[in-house]
Every structure is written in C-alpha cells, then in structure tokens.
Amino acid sequence: LAELEKVLFDIEGMGAKGLVIRSAKKGGFIAGADIR
C-alpha cells in the first residue's frame, strides 16, 4: 500500500486519461489483506 501511494503520485502527474488496475498473477486479482 505504501508503494501504491508513490505510484499514485506518478499517475497524477502523467496526464493519462484513464487508469486500469489489474493483477499480473494468474490465480487472481488480490486475495485480501496480508493476514500476517
């Protein structure tokens, strides 16, 4: 999540007209919080 905040700074300044969020893992999107 901390790294996501840094990425969002970049996205806000790049002038994109849309954002797609996707998982690069074959099994799925996100399984939830890290229970650890």
Full PDB file with SEQRES, HELIX, SHEET, SSBOND, CRYST1, ORIGX, SCALE, CONECT and MASTER records, all heavy atoms in Angstrom:
SEQRES   1 A   36  LEU ALA GLU LEU GLU LYS VAL LEU PHE ASP ILE GLU GLY          
SEQRES   2 A   36  MET GLY ALA LYS GLY LEU VAL ILE ARG SER ALA LYS LYS          
SEQRES   3 A   36  GLY GLY PHE ILE ALA GLY ALA ASP ILE ARG                      
HELIX    1 AA1 ALA A    2  GLY A   13  1                                  12    
CRYST1    1.000    1.000    1.000  90.00  90.00  90.00 P 1           1          
ORIGX1      1.000000  0.000000  0.000000        0.00000                         
ORIGX2      0.000000  1.000000  0.000000        0.00000                         
ORIGX3      0.000000  0.000000  1.000000        0.00000                         
SCALE1      1.000000  0.000000  0.000000        0.00000                         
SCALE2      0.000000  1.000000  0.000000        0.00000                         
SCALE3      0.000000  0.000000  1.000000        0.00000                         
ATOM      1  N   LEU A   1       0.823  -1.204   0.000  1.00  0.00           N  
ATOM      2  CA  LEU A   1       0.000   0.000   0.000  1.00  0.00           C  
ATOM      3  C   LEU A   1       0.862   1.262   0.000  1.00  0.00           C  
ATOM      4  O   LEU A   1       0.541   2.249  -0.676  1.00  0.00           O  
ATOM      5  CB  LEU A   1      -0.928  -0.006   1.211  1.00  0.00           C  
ATOM      6  CG  LEU A   1      -2.139  -0.939   1.101  1.00  0.00           C  
ATOM      7  CD1 LEU A   1      -2.864  -1.043   2.435  1.00  0.00           C  
ATOM      8  CD2 LEU A   1      -3.099  -0.462   0.016  1.00  0.00           C  
ATOM      9  N   ALA A   2       1.959   1.231   0.750  1.00  0.00           N  
ATOM     10  CA  ALA A   2       2.845   2.403   0.769  1.00  0.00           C  
ATOM     11  C   ALA A   2       3.401   2.671  -0.625  1.00  0.00           C  
ATOM     12  O   ALA A   2       3.518   3.831  -1.058  1.00  0.00           O  
ATOM     13  CB  ALA A   2       3.975   2.178   1.770  1.00  0.00           C  
ATOM     14  N   GLU A   3       3.743   1.611  -1.341  1.00  0.00           N  
ATOM     15  CA  GLU A   3       4.256   1.782  -2.695  1.00  0.00           C  
ATOM     16  C   GLU A   3       3.156   2.256  -3.642  1.00  0.00           C  
ATOM     17  O   GLU A   3       3.414   3.043  -4.564  1.00  0.00           O  
ATOM     18  CB  GLU A   3       4.847   0.460  -3.186  1.00  0.00           C  
ATOM     19  CG  GLU A   3       5.671   0.604  -4.450  1.00  0.00           C  
ATOM     20  CD  GLU A   3       6.389  -0.684  -4.797  1.00  0.00           C  
ATOM     21  OE1 GLU A   3       5.763  -1.572  -5.415  1.00  0.00           O  
ATOM     22  OE2 GLU A   3       7.583  -0.798  -4.462  1.00  0.00           O  
ATOM     23  N   LEU A   4       1.924   1.809  -3.410  1.00  0.00           N  
ATOM     24  CA  LEU A   4       0.807   2.282  -4.219  1.00  0.00           C  
ATOM     25  C   LEU A   4       0.676   3.801  -4.116  1.00  0.00           C  
ATOM     26  O   LEU A   4       0.398   4.479  -5.120  1.00  0.00           O  
ATOM     27  CB  LEU A   4      -0.496   1.607  -3.769  1.00  0.00           C  
ATOM     28  CG  LEU A   4      -1.780   2.118  -4.428  1.00  0.00           C  
ATOM     29  CD1 LEU A   4      -1.746   1.908  -5.941  1.00  0.00           C  
ATOM     30  CD2 LEU A   4      -3.007   1.424  -3.822  1.00  0.00           C  
ATOM     31  N   GLU A   5       0.883   4.336  -2.929  1.00  0.00           N  
ATOM     32  CA  GLU A   5       0.792   5.785  -2.766  1.00  0.00           C  
ATOM     33  C   GLU A   5       1.824   6.493  -3.649  1.00  0.00           C  
ATOM     34  O   GLU A   5       1.508   7.497  -4.312  1.00  0.00           O  
ATOM     35  CB  GLU A   5       1.003   6.162  -1.301  1.00  0.00           C  
ATOM     36  CG  GLU A   5       0.816   7.649  -1.044  1.00  0.00           C  
ATOM     37  CD  GLU A   5       0.931   7.990   0.422  1.00  0.00           C  
ATOM     38  OE1 GLU A   5       1.758   7.371   1.115  1.00  0.00           O  
ATOM     39  OE2 GLU A   5       0.205   8.897   0.879  1.00  0.00           O  
ATOM     40  N   LYS A   6       3.037   5.981  -3.700  1.00  0.00           N  
ATOM     41  CA  LYS A   6       4.075   6.568  -4.557  1.00  0.00           C  
ATOM     42  C   LYS A   6       3.667   6.491  -6.027  1.00  0.00           C  
ATOM     43  O   LYS A   6       3.864   7.442  -6.794  1.00  0.00           O  
ATOM     44  CB  LYS A   6       5.400   5.842  -4.348  1.00  0.00           C  
ATOM     45  CG  LYS A   6       6.002   6.002  -2.957  1.00  0.00           C  
ATOM     46  CD  LYS A   6       7.300   5.198  -2.836  1.00  0.00           C  
ATOM     47  CE  LYS A   6       7.885   5.295  -1.436  1.00  0.00           C  
ATOM     48  NZ  LYS A   6       9.125   4.474  -1.303  1.00  0.00           N  
ATOM     49  N   VAL A   7       3.101   5.336  -6.416  1.00  0.00           N  
ATOM     50  CA  VAL A   7       2.674   5.158  -7.811  1.00  0.00           C  
ATOM     51  C   VAL A   7       1.571   6.148  -8.157  1.00  0.00           C  
ATOM     52  O   VAL A   7       1.546   6.720  -9.257  1.00  0.00           O  
ATOM     53  CB  VAL A   7       2.210   3.709  -8.047  1.00  0.00           C  
ATOM     54  CG1 VAL A   7       1.706   3.543  -9.476  1.00  0.00           C  
ATOM     55  CG2 VAL A   7       3.326   2.719  -7.766  1.00  0.00           C  
ATOM     56  N   LEU A   8       0.650   6.374  -7.235  1.00  0.00           N  
ATOM     57  CA  LEU A   8      -0.447   7.294  -7.500  1.00  0.00           C  
ATOM     58  C   LEU A   8       0.068   8.715  -7.719  1.00  0.00           C  
ATOM     59  O   LEU A   8      -0.499   9.470  -8.521  1.00  0.00           O  
ATOM     60  CB  LEU A   8      -1.465   7.252  -6.355  1.00  0.00           C  
ATOM     61  CG  LEU A   8      -2.271   5.948  -6.236  1.00  0.00           C  
ATOM     62  CD1 LEU A   8      -3.149   5.971  -4.995  1.00  0.00           C  
ATOM     63  CD2 LEU A   8      -3.130   5.720  -7.486  1.00  0.00           C  
ATOM     64  N   PHE A   9       1.146   9.104  -7.042  1.00  0.00           N  
ATOM     65  CA  PHE A   9       1.781  10.404  -7.306  1.00  0.00           C  
ATOM     66  C   PHE A   9       2.198  10.489  -8.774  1.00  0.00           C  
ATOM     67  O   PHE A   9       1.962  11.491  -9.455  1.00  0.00           O  
ATOM     68  CB  PHE A   9       3.009  10.586  -6.413  1.00  0.00           C  
ATOM     69  CG  PHE A   9       2.717  11.207  -5.078  1.00  0.00           C  
ATOM     70  CD1 PHE A   9       2.885  10.477  -3.920  1.00  0.00           C  
ATOM     71  CD2 PHE A   9       2.278  12.521  -4.987  1.00  0.00           C  
ATOM     72  CE1 PHE A   9       2.621  11.047  -2.678  1.00  0.00           C  
ATOM     73  CE2 PHE A   9       2.019  13.105  -3.749  1.00  0.00           C  
ATOM     74  CZ  PHE A   9       2.186  12.367  -2.591  1.00  0.00           C  
ATOM     75  N   ASP A  10       2.844   9.424  -9.260  1.00  0.00           N  
ATOM     76  CA  ASP A  10       3.295   9.397 -10.652  1.00  0.00           C  
ATOM     77  C   ASP A  10       2.107   9.490 -11.604  1.00  0.00           C  
ATOM     78  O   ASP A  10       2.148  10.217 -12.611  1.00  0.00           O  
ATOM     79  CB  ASP A  10       4.076   8.116 -10.933  1.00  0.00           C  
ATOM     80  CG  ASP A  10       5.492   8.159 -10.385  1.00  0.00           C  
ATOM     81  OD1 ASP A  10       5.807   9.114  -9.648  1.00  0.00           O  
ATOM     82  OD2 ASP A  10       6.273   7.235 -10.690  1.00  0.00           O  
ATOM     83  N   ILE A  11       1.055   8.749 -11.290  1.00  0.00           N  
ATOM     84  CA  ILE A  11      -0.110   8.711 -12.179  1.00  0.00           C  
ATOM     85  C   ILE A  11      -0.765  10.084 -12.257  1.00  0.00           C  
ATOM     86  O   ILE A  11      -1.193  10.527 -13.335  1.00  0.00           O  
ATOM     87  CB  ILE A  11      -1.103   7.637 -11.687  1.00  0.00           C  
ATOM     88  CG1 ILE A  11      -0.495   6.240 -11.882  1.00  0.00           C  
ATOM     89  CG2 ILE A  11      -2.439   7.746 -12.413  1.00  0.00           C  
ATOM     90  CD1 ILE A  11      -1.258   5.127 -11.194  1.00  0.00           C  
ATOM     91  N   GLU A  12      -0.852  10.765 -11.128  1.00  0.00           N  
ATOM     92  CA  GLU A  12      -1.477  12.094 -11.112  1.00  0.00           C  
ATOM     93  C   GLU A  12      -0.726  13.079 -12.011  1.00  0.00           C  
ATOM     94  O   GLU A  12      -1.328  13.994 -12.579  1.00  0.00           O  
ATOM     95  CB  GLU A  12      -1.515  12.621  -9.667  1.00  0.00           C  
ATOM     96  CG  GLU A  12      -2.541  11.913  -8.798  1.00  0.00           C  
ATOM     97  CD  GLU A  12      -2.375  12.235  -7.316  1.00  0.00           C  
ATOM     98  OE1 GLU A  12      -1.279  12.681  -6.914  1.00  0.00           O  
ATOM     99  OE2 GLU A  12      -3.343  12.028  -6.567  1.00  0.00           O  
ATOM    100  N   GLY A  13       0.575  12.870 -12.179  1.00  0.00           N  
ATOM    101  CA  GLY A  13       1.360  13.821 -12.960  1.00  0.00           C  
ATOM    102  C   GLY A  13       1.608  13.407 -14.394  1.00  0.00           C  
ATOM    103  O   GLY A  13       2.270  14.144 -15.140  1.00  0.00           O  
ATOM    104  N   MET A  14       1.091  12.235 -14.808  1.00  0.00           N  
ATOM    105  CA  MET A  14       1.452  11.757 -16.142  1.00  0.00           C  
ATOM    106  C   MET A  14       0.438  12.146 -17.216  1.00  0.00           C  
ATOM    107  O   MET A  14       0.661  11.887 -18.406  1.00  0.00           O  
ATOM    108  CB  MET A  14       1.665  10.232 -16.125  1.00  0.00           C  
ATOM    109  CG  MET A  14       0.423   9.403 -15.919  1.00  0.00           C  
ATOM    110  SD  MET A  14       0.794   7.631 -15.608  1.00  0.00           S  
ATOM    111  CE  MET A  14       1.738   7.166 -17.039  1.00  0.00           C  
ATOM    112  N   GLY A  15      -0.691  12.751 -16.814  1.00  0.00           N  
ATOM    113  CA  GLY A  15      -1.646  13.227 -17.817  1.00  0.00           C  
ATOM    114  C   GLY A  15      -2.411  12.146 -18.530  1.00  0.00           C  
ATOM    115  O   GLY A  15      -2.916  12.369 -19.643  1.00  0.00           O  
ATOM    116  N   ALA A  16      -2.537  10.976 -17.927  1.00  0.00           N  
ATOM    117  CA  ALA A  16      -3.306   9.886 -18.549  1.00  0.00           C  
ATOM    118  C   ALA A  16      -4.793  10.208 -18.509  1.00  0.00           C  
ATOM    119  O   ALA A  16      -5.271  10.939 -17.640  1.00  0.00           O  
ATOM    120  CB  ALA A  16      -3.034   8.575 -17.816  1.00  0.00           C  
ATOM    121  N   LYS A  17      -5.519   9.663 -19.476  1.00  0.00           N  
ATOM    122  CA  LYS A  17      -6.961   9.911 -19.489  1.00  0.00           C  
ATOM    123  C   LYS A  17      -7.747   8.798 -18.804  1.00  0.00           C  
ATOM    124  O   LYS A  17      -8.979   8.872 -18.699  1.00  0.00           O  
ATOM    125  CB  LYS A  17      -7.448  10.099 -20.920  1.00  0.00           C  
ATOM    126  CG  LYS A  17      -7.352   8.873 -21.820  1.00  0.00           C  
ATOM    127  CD  LYS A  17      -7.854   9.222 -23.216  1.00  0.00           C  
ATOM    128  CE  LYS A  17      -7.853   7.997 -24.137  1.00  0.00           C  
ATOM    129  NZ  LYS A  17      -8.298   8.345 -25.504  1.00  0.00           N  
ATOM    130  N   GLY A  18      -7.056   7.768 -18.337  1.00  0.00           N  
ATOM    131  CA  GLY A  18      -7.712   6.678 -17.616  1.00  0.00           C  
ATOM    132  C   GLY A  18      -6.678   5.774 -16.982  1.00  0.00           C  
ATOM    133  O   GLY A  18      -5.502   5.771 -17.380  1.00  0.00           O  
ATOM    134  N   LEU A  19      -7.100   5.024 -15.976  1.00  0.00           N  
ATOM    135  CA  LEU A  19      -6.204   4.105 -15.276  1.00  0.00           C  
ATOM    136  C   LEU A  19      -6.864   2.740 -15.149  1.00  0.00           C  
ATOM    137  O   LEU A  19      -8.024   2.637 -14.734  1.00  0.00           O  
ATOM    138  CB  LEU A  19      -5.870   4.633 -13.871  1.00  0.00           C  
ATOM    139  CG  LEU A  19      -5.112   3.668 -12.942  1.00  0.00           C  
ATOM    140  CD1 LEU A  19      -3.703   3.405 -13.469  1.00  0.00           C  
ATOM    141  CD2 LEU A  19      -5.058   4.214 -11.517  1.00  0.00           C  
ATOM    142  N   VAL A  20      -6.108   1.703 -15.481  1.00  0.00           N  
ATOM    143  CA  VAL A  20      -6.547   0.321 -15.299  1.00  0.00           C  
ATOM    144  C   VAL A  20      -5.693  -0.303 -14.200  1.00  0.00           C  
ATOM    145  O   VAL A  20      -4.469  -0.182 -14.216  1.00  0.00           O  
ATOM    146  CB  VAL A  20      -6.372  -0.502 -16.598  1.00  0.00           C  
ATOM    147  CG1 VAL A  20      -6.811  -1.950 -16.370  1.00  0.00           C  
ATOM    148  CG2 VAL A  20      -7.158   0.133 -17.731  1.00  0.00           C  
ATOM    149  N   ILE A  21      -6.340  -0.956 -13.255  1.00  0.00           N  
ATOM    150  CA  ILE A  21      -5.618  -1.706 -12.221  1.00  0.00           C  
ATOM    151  C   ILE A  21      -5.917  -3.183 -12.425  1.00  0.00           C  
ATOM    152  O   ILE A  21      -7.082  -3.588 -12.536  1.00  0.00           O  
ATOM    153  CB  ILE A  21      -6.026  -1.268 -10.800  1.00  0.00           C  
ATOM    154  CG1 ILE A  21      -5.653   0.192 -10.573  1.00  0.00           C  
ATOM    155  CG2 ILE A  21      -5.364  -2.155  -9.750  1.00  0.00           C  
ATOM    156  CD1 ILE A  21      -5.992   0.706  -9.195  1.00  0.00           C  
ATOM    157  N   ARG A  22      -4.843  -3.949 -12.504  1.00  0.00           N  
ATOM    158  CA  ARG A  22      -5.012  -5.380 -12.763  1.00  0.00           C  
ATOM    159  C   ARG A  22      -3.907  -6.171 -12.060  1.00  0.00           C  
ATOM    160  O   ARG A  22      -2.841  -5.637 -11.745  1.00  0.00           O  
ATOM    161  CB  ARG A  22      -4.980  -5.657 -14.265  1.00  0.00           C  
ATOM    162  CG  ARG A  22      -5.333  -7.116 -14.562  1.00  0.00           C  
ATOM    163  CD  ARG A  22      -5.849  -7.368 -15.930  1.00  0.00           C  
ATOM    164  NE  ARG A  22      -6.527  -8.657 -15.917  1.00  0.00           N  
ATOM    165  CZ  ARG A  22      -6.810  -9.382 -16.973  1.00  0.00           C  
ATOM    166  NH1 ARG A  22      -6.481  -8.937 -18.175  1.00  0.00           N  
ATOM    167  NH2 ARG A  22      -7.428 -10.527 -16.867  1.00  0.00           N  
ATOM    168  N   SER A  23      -4.162  -7.436 -11.826  1.00  0.00           N  
ATOM    169  CA  SER A  23      -3.158  -8.333 -11.250  1.00  0.00           C  
ATOM    170  C   SER A  23      -2.354  -8.994 -12.357  1.00  0.00           C  
ATOM    171  O   SER A  23      -2.899  -9.405 -13.384  1.00  0.00           O  
ATOM    172  CB  SER A  23      -3.849  -9.410 -10.411  1.00  0.00           C  
ATOM    173  OG  SER A  23      -2.973 -10.485 -10.147  1.00  0.00           O  
ATOM    174  N   ALA A  24      -1.057  -9.129 -12.113  1.00  0.00           N  
ATOM    175  CA  ALA A  24      -0.207  -9.885 -13.035  1.00  0.00           C  
ATOM    176  C   ALA A  24      -0.096 -11.355 -12.626  1.00  0.00           C  
ATOM    177  O   ALA A  24       0.564 -12.131 -13.316  1.00  0.00           O  
ATOM    178  CB  ALA A  24       1.184  -9.258 -13.087  1.00  0.00           C  
ATOM    179  N   LYS A  25      -0.732 -11.728 -11.515  1.00  0.00           N  
ATOM    180  CA  LYS A  25      -0.739 -13.126 -11.085  1.00  0.00           C  
ATOM    181  C   LYS A  25      -1.842 -13.883 -11.820  1.00  0.00           C  
ATOM    182  O   LYS A  25      -2.958 -13.385 -11.970  1.00  0.00           O  
ATOM    183  CB  LYS A  25      -0.999 -13.229  -9.579  1.00  0.00           C  
ATOM    184  CG  LYS A  25      -0.058 -12.415  -8.688  1.00  0.00           C  
ATOM    185  CD  LYS A  25       1.324 -13.014  -8.593  1.00  0.00           C  
ATOM    186  CE  LYS A  25       2.134 -12.308  -7.503  1.00  0.00           C  
ATOM    187  NZ  LYS A  25       3.559 -12.692  -7.513  1.00  0.00           N  
ATOM    188  N   LYS A  26      -1.541 -15.108 -12.236  1.00  0.00           N  
ATOM    189  CA  LYS A  26      -2.535 -15.884 -12.980  1.00  0.00           C  
ATOM    190  C   LYS A  26      -3.731 -16.280 -12.122  1.00  0.00           C  
ATOM    191  O   LYS A  26      -4.847 -16.417 -12.603  1.00  0.00           O  
ATOM    192  CB  LYS A  26      -1.885 -17.139 -13.571  1.00  0.00           C  
ATOM    193  CG  LYS A  26      -0.925 -16.858 -14.715  1.00  0.00           C  
ATOM    194  CD  LYS A  26      -0.412 -18.156 -15.333  1.00  0.00           C  
ATOM    195  CE  LYS A  26       0.504 -17.873 -16.522  1.00  0.00           C  
ATOM    196  NZ  LYS A  26       1.002 -19.125 -17.139  1.00  0.00           N  
ATOM    197  N   GLY A  27      -3.487 -16.487 -10.817  1.00  0.00           N  
ATOM    198  CA  GLY A  27      -4.545 -17.023  -9.963  1.00  0.00           C  
ATOM    199  C   GLY A  27      -5.682 -16.080  -9.675  1.00  0.00           C  
ATOM    200  O   GLY A  27      -6.798 -16.522  -9.418  1.00  0.00           O  
ATOM    201  N   GLY A  28      -5.411 -14.780  -9.692  1.00  0.00           N  
ATOM    202  CA  GLY A  28      -6.494 -13.872  -9.378  1.00  0.00           C  
ATOM    203  C   GLY A  28      -6.024 -12.450  -9.147  1.00  0.00           C  
ATOM    204  O   GLY A  28      -4.859 -12.103  -9.347  1.00  0.00           O  
ATOM    205  N   PHE A  29      -6.948 -11.624  -8.717  1.00  0.00           N  
ATOM    206  CA  PHE A  29      -6.735 -10.183  -8.534  1.00  0.00           C  
ATOM    207  C   PHE A  29      -5.954  -9.949  -7.234  1.00  0.00           C  
ATOM    208  O   PHE A  29      -4.731  -9.905  -7.236  1.00  0.00           O  
ATOM    209  CB  PHE A  29      -8.099  -9.486  -8.527  1.00  0.00           C  
ATOM    210  CG  PHE A  29      -8.040  -7.985  -8.496  1.00  0.00           C  
ATOM    211  CD1 PHE A  29      -7.518  -7.274  -9.553  1.00  0.00           C  
ATOM    212  CD2 PHE A  29      -8.538  -7.287  -7.407  1.00  0.00           C  
ATOM    213  CE1 PHE A  29      -7.469  -5.885  -9.532  1.00  0.00           C  
ATOM    214  CE2 PHE A  29      -8.503  -5.901  -7.370  1.00  0.00           C  
ATOM    215  CZ  PHE A  29      -7.965  -5.199  -8.431  1.00  0.00           C  
ATOM    216  N   ILE A  30      -6.636  -9.843  -6.130  1.00  0.00           N  
ATOM    217  CA  ILE A  30      -5.988  -9.671  -4.821  1.00  0.00           C  
ATOM    218  C   ILE A  30      -6.787 -10.492  -3.815  1.00  0.00           C  
ATOM    219  O   ILE A  30      -8.017 -10.376  -3.745  1.00  0.00           O  
ATOM    220  CB  ILE A  30      -5.956  -8.185  -4.391  1.00  0.00           C  
ATOM    221  CG1 ILE A  30      -5.238  -7.329  -5.440  1.00  0.00           C  
ATOM    222  CG2 ILE A  30      -5.272  -8.032  -3.036  1.00  0.00           C  
ATOM    223  CD1 ILE A  30      -5.352  -5.831  -5.199  1.00  0.00           C  
ATOM    224  N   ALA A  31      -6.096 -11.306  -3.033  1.00  0.00           N  
ATOM    225  CA  ALA A  31      -6.767 -12.222  -2.103  1.00  0.00           C  
ATOM    226  C   ALA A  31      -7.132 -11.557  -0.787  1.00  0.00           C  
ATOM    227  O   ALA A  31      -7.678 -12.218   0.094  1.00  0.00           O  
ATOM    228  CB  ALA A  31      -5.878 -13.440  -1.839  1.00  0.00           C  
ATOM    229  N   GLY A  32      -6.855 -10.270  -0.639  1.00  0.00           N  
ATOM    230  CA  GLY A  32      -7.196  -9.571   0.590  1.00  0.00           C  
ATOM    231  C   GLY A  32      -5.965  -9.011   1.259  1.00  0.00           C  
ATOM    232  O   GLY A  32      -4.884  -8.910   0.666  1.00  0.00           O  
ATOM    233  N   ALA A  33      -6.128  -8.627   2.515  1.00  0.00           N  
ATOM    234  CA  ALA A  33      -5.001  -8.119   3.293  1.00  0.00           C  
ATOM    235  C   ALA A  33      -4.034  -9.258   3.590  1.00  0.00           C  
ATOM    236  O   ALA A  33      -4.398 -10.435   3.558  1.00  0.00           O  
ATOM    237  CB  ALA A  33      -5.497  -7.497   4.589  1.00  0.00           C  
ATOM    238  N   ASP A  34      -2.810  -8.903   3.878  1.00  0.00           N  
ATOM    239  CA  ASP A  34      -1.818  -9.895   4.301  1.00  0.00           C  
ATOM    240  C   ASP A  34      -2.086 -10.203   5.772  1.00  0.00           C  
ATOM    241  O   ASP A  34      -1.800  -9.383   6.652  1.00  0.00           O  
ATOM    242  CB  ASP A  34      -0.409  -9.333   4.121  1.00  0.00           C  
ATOM    243  CG  ASP A  34       0.668 -10.375   4.330  1.00  0.00           C  
ATOM    244  OD1 ASP A  34       0.417 -11.348   5.070  1.00  0.00           O  
ATOM    245  OD2 ASP A  34       1.762 -10.231   3.764  1.00  0.00           O  
ATOM    246  N   ILE A  35      -2.649 -11.378   6.031  1.00  0.00           N  
ATOM    247  CA  ILE A  35      -3.077 -11.731   7.390  1.00  0.00           C  
ATOM    248  C   ILE A  35      -1.888 -11.766   8.340  1.00  0.00           C  
ATOM    249  O   ILE A  35      -2.043 -11.608   9.554  1.00  0.00           O  
ATOM    250  CB  ILE A  35      -3.819 -13.080   7.393  1.00  0.00           C  
ATOM    251  CG1 ILE A  35      -4.958 -13.071   6.366  1.00  0.00           C  
ATOM    252  CG2 ILE A  35      -4.406 -13.387   8.764  1.00  0.00           C  
ATOM    253  CD1 ILE A  35      -5.982 -11.999   6.575  1.00  0.00           C  
ATOM    254  N   ARG A  36      -0.693 -11.946   7.802  1.00  0.00           N  
ATOM    255  CA  ARG A  36       0.492 -11.948   8.665  1.00  0.00           C  
ATOM    256  C   ARG A  36       0.657 -10.624   9.400  1.00  0.00           C  
ATOM    257  O   ARG A  36       1.224 -10.575  10.492  1.00  0.00           O  
ATOM    258  CB  ARG A  36       1.743 -12.269   7.838  1.00  0.00           C  
ATOM    259  CG  ARG A  36       1.769 -13.701   7.315  1.00  0.00           C  
ATOM    260  CD  ARG A  36       2.873 -13.923   6.303  1.00  0.00           C  
ATOM    261  NE  ARG A  36       2.640 -13.199   5.057  1.00  0.00           N  
ATOM    262  CZ  ARG A  36       3.308 -13.415   3.934  1.00  0.00           C  
ATOM    263  NH1 ARG A  36       4.263 -14.331   3.892  1.00  0.00           N  
ATOM    264  NH2 ARG A  36       3.039 -12.726   2.839  1.00  0.00           N  
TER     265      ARG A  36                                                      
MASTER        0    0    0    1    0    0    0    6  264    1    0    3          
END                                                                             
